[in-house]
Protein backbone atom coordinates (compact mmCIF):
# COMPACT_ATOMS: atom_id res chain seq x y z
CA UNK A 1 22.48 174.51 197.14
CA UNK A 2 24.93 171.71 197.89
CA UNK A 3 24.15 168.25 199.20
CA UNK A 4 26.90 166.23 200.84
CA UNK A 5 26.93 162.46 201.31
CA UNK A 6 29.65 160.83 203.39
CA UNK A 7 30.75 157.21 203.14
CA UNK A 8 33.58 154.97 204.23
CA UNK A 9 33.09 154.82 207.97
CA UNK A 10 33.14 151.62 209.97
CA UNK A 11 34.85 149.60 212.66
CA UNK A 12 38.63 149.38 212.59
CA UNK A 13 41.27 148.13 215.02
CA UNK A 14 43.75 150.52 216.61
CA UNK A 15 46.58 151.22 214.21
CA UNK A 16 44.38 150.59 211.21
CA UNK A 17 43.31 152.86 208.36
CA UNK A 18 40.11 154.13 206.81
CA UNK A 19 39.33 156.47 203.95
CA UNK A 20 36.25 158.63 204.17
CA UNK A 21 34.64 160.11 201.08
CA UNK A 22 32.23 163.01 200.75
CA UNK A 23 30.41 163.33 197.45
CA UNK A 24 28.86 166.70 196.65
CA UNK A 25 25.97 167.48 194.35
CA UNK A 26 25.23 170.83 192.79
CA UNK A 27 27.40 173.20 190.87
CA UNK A 28 30.47 175.25 191.76
CA UNK A 29 32.05 172.61 194.01
CA UNK A 30 35.44 174.07 193.15
CA UNK A 31 34.76 177.35 194.94
CA UNK A 32 33.96 175.76 198.29
CA UNK A 33 36.35 175.25 201.15
CA UNK A 34 35.79 171.72 202.39
CA UNK A 35 36.30 170.32 205.84
CA UNK A 36 35.91 167.24 207.98
CA UNK A 37 34.57 167.70 211.49
CA UNK A 38 34.06 165.04 214.10
CA UNK A 39 31.95 164.64 217.19
CA UNK A 40 32.69 162.05 219.84
CA UNK A 41 30.02 160.95 222.33
CA UNK A 42 29.45 163.61 224.95
CA UNK A 43 31.81 166.07 223.28
CA UNK A 44 31.45 169.11 221.06
CA UNK A 45 31.94 168.90 217.33
CA UNK A 46 35.52 169.76 216.40
CA UNK A 47 37.38 170.50 213.21
CA UNK A 48 39.65 167.66 212.10
CA UNK A 49 40.92 168.94 208.76
CA UNK A 50 40.08 171.42 206.02
CA UNK A 51 41.14 172.19 202.48
CA UNK A 52 40.59 175.46 200.68
CA UNK A 53 39.46 175.89 197.10
CA UNK A 54 43.11 176.46 196.24
CA UNK A 55 44.24 173.25 197.92
CA UNK A 56 45.73 174.66 201.12
CA UNK A 57 45.25 172.24 204.01
CA UNK A 58 45.27 172.46 207.76
CA UNK A 59 44.78 169.92 210.51
CA UNK A 60 43.89 169.68 214.14
CA UNK A 61 46.94 168.98 216.28
CA UNK A 62 45.47 165.65 217.35
CA UNK A 63 45.37 164.28 213.78
CA UNK A 64 48.35 166.00 212.17
CA UNK A 65 50.71 163.49 210.61
CA UNK A 66 48.07 160.74 210.61
CA UNK A 67 45.19 162.17 208.56
CA UNK A 68 45.31 163.58 205.04
CA UNK A 69 42.54 165.61 203.43
CA UNK A 70 42.33 165.87 199.65
CA UNK A 71 39.84 166.86 197.00
CA UNK A 72 39.02 165.84 193.45
CA UNK A 73 37.15 168.72 191.86
CA UNK A 74 36.31 166.73 188.73
CA UNK A 75 34.52 164.14 190.88
CA UNK A 76 33.16 166.76 193.32
CA UNK A 77 34.53 164.66 196.14
CA UNK A 78 36.63 165.31 199.21
CA UNK A 79 38.50 162.54 201.02
CA UNK A 80 39.94 161.98 204.46
CA UNK A 81 42.64 159.33 204.64
CA UNK A 82 43.02 158.26 208.24
CA UNK A 83 46.05 156.21 209.27
CA UNK A 84 47.36 154.99 212.61
CA UNK A 85 43.88 155.26 214.07
CA UNK A 86 43.46 155.45 217.82
CA UNK A 87 40.45 154.72 220.04
CA UNK A 88 40.15 158.46 220.68
CA UNK A 89 39.44 158.95 216.97
CA UNK A 90 36.09 157.26 217.50
CA UNK A 91 33.40 159.75 216.47
CA UNK A 92 30.81 160.65 213.90
CA UNK A 93 32.63 162.37 211.05
CA UNK A 94 30.84 165.14 209.18
CA UNK A 95 31.66 166.71 205.84
CA UNK A 96 31.27 170.49 205.53
CA UNK A 97 31.25 172.85 202.56
CA UNK A 98 31.60 176.58 203.04
CA UNK A 99 31.69 179.64 200.78
CA UNK A 100 30.87 183.04 202.17
CA UNK A 101 27.63 182.74 204.12
CA UNK A 102 26.82 179.38 202.55
CA UNK A 103 27.45 176.49 204.92
CA UNK A 104 26.41 172.91 204.21
CA UNK A 105 26.70 169.68 206.19
CA UNK A 106 26.46 166.00 205.44
CA UNK A 107 24.61 163.51 207.59
CA UNK A 108 27.75 162.03 209.11
CA UNK A 109 29.45 158.66 209.08
CA UNK A 110 30.43 156.67 212.16
CA UNK A 111 34.06 155.71 212.74
CA UNK A 112 34.76 153.32 215.60
CA UNK A 113 38.30 152.38 216.56
CA UNK A 114 38.30 149.40 218.87
CA UNK A 115 39.91 146.02 219.34
């Protein structure tokens, strides 16, 4: 069993930056692929970025070059550095951990990009 707790969301102006953190509890964090999803009002949840247990990353086209996902296995934490934020990045951001059939979600953190 894995519990995920996100933090770091908030209100930021266009062009600004935020860093989201997702702290995991439980054992075997290192084996999980980790991801950040986001859900904007009235839209479906979408994958923003993921990182495998081996450190391979991939990004949605809309965030590539602006967002960076990373993980610290010793701290059981995954990060999402978000730069050059746009109003369309406004969403609830969810942390996800996956290994085989195991699939865990955090409660989400709100990111609002507005002047």
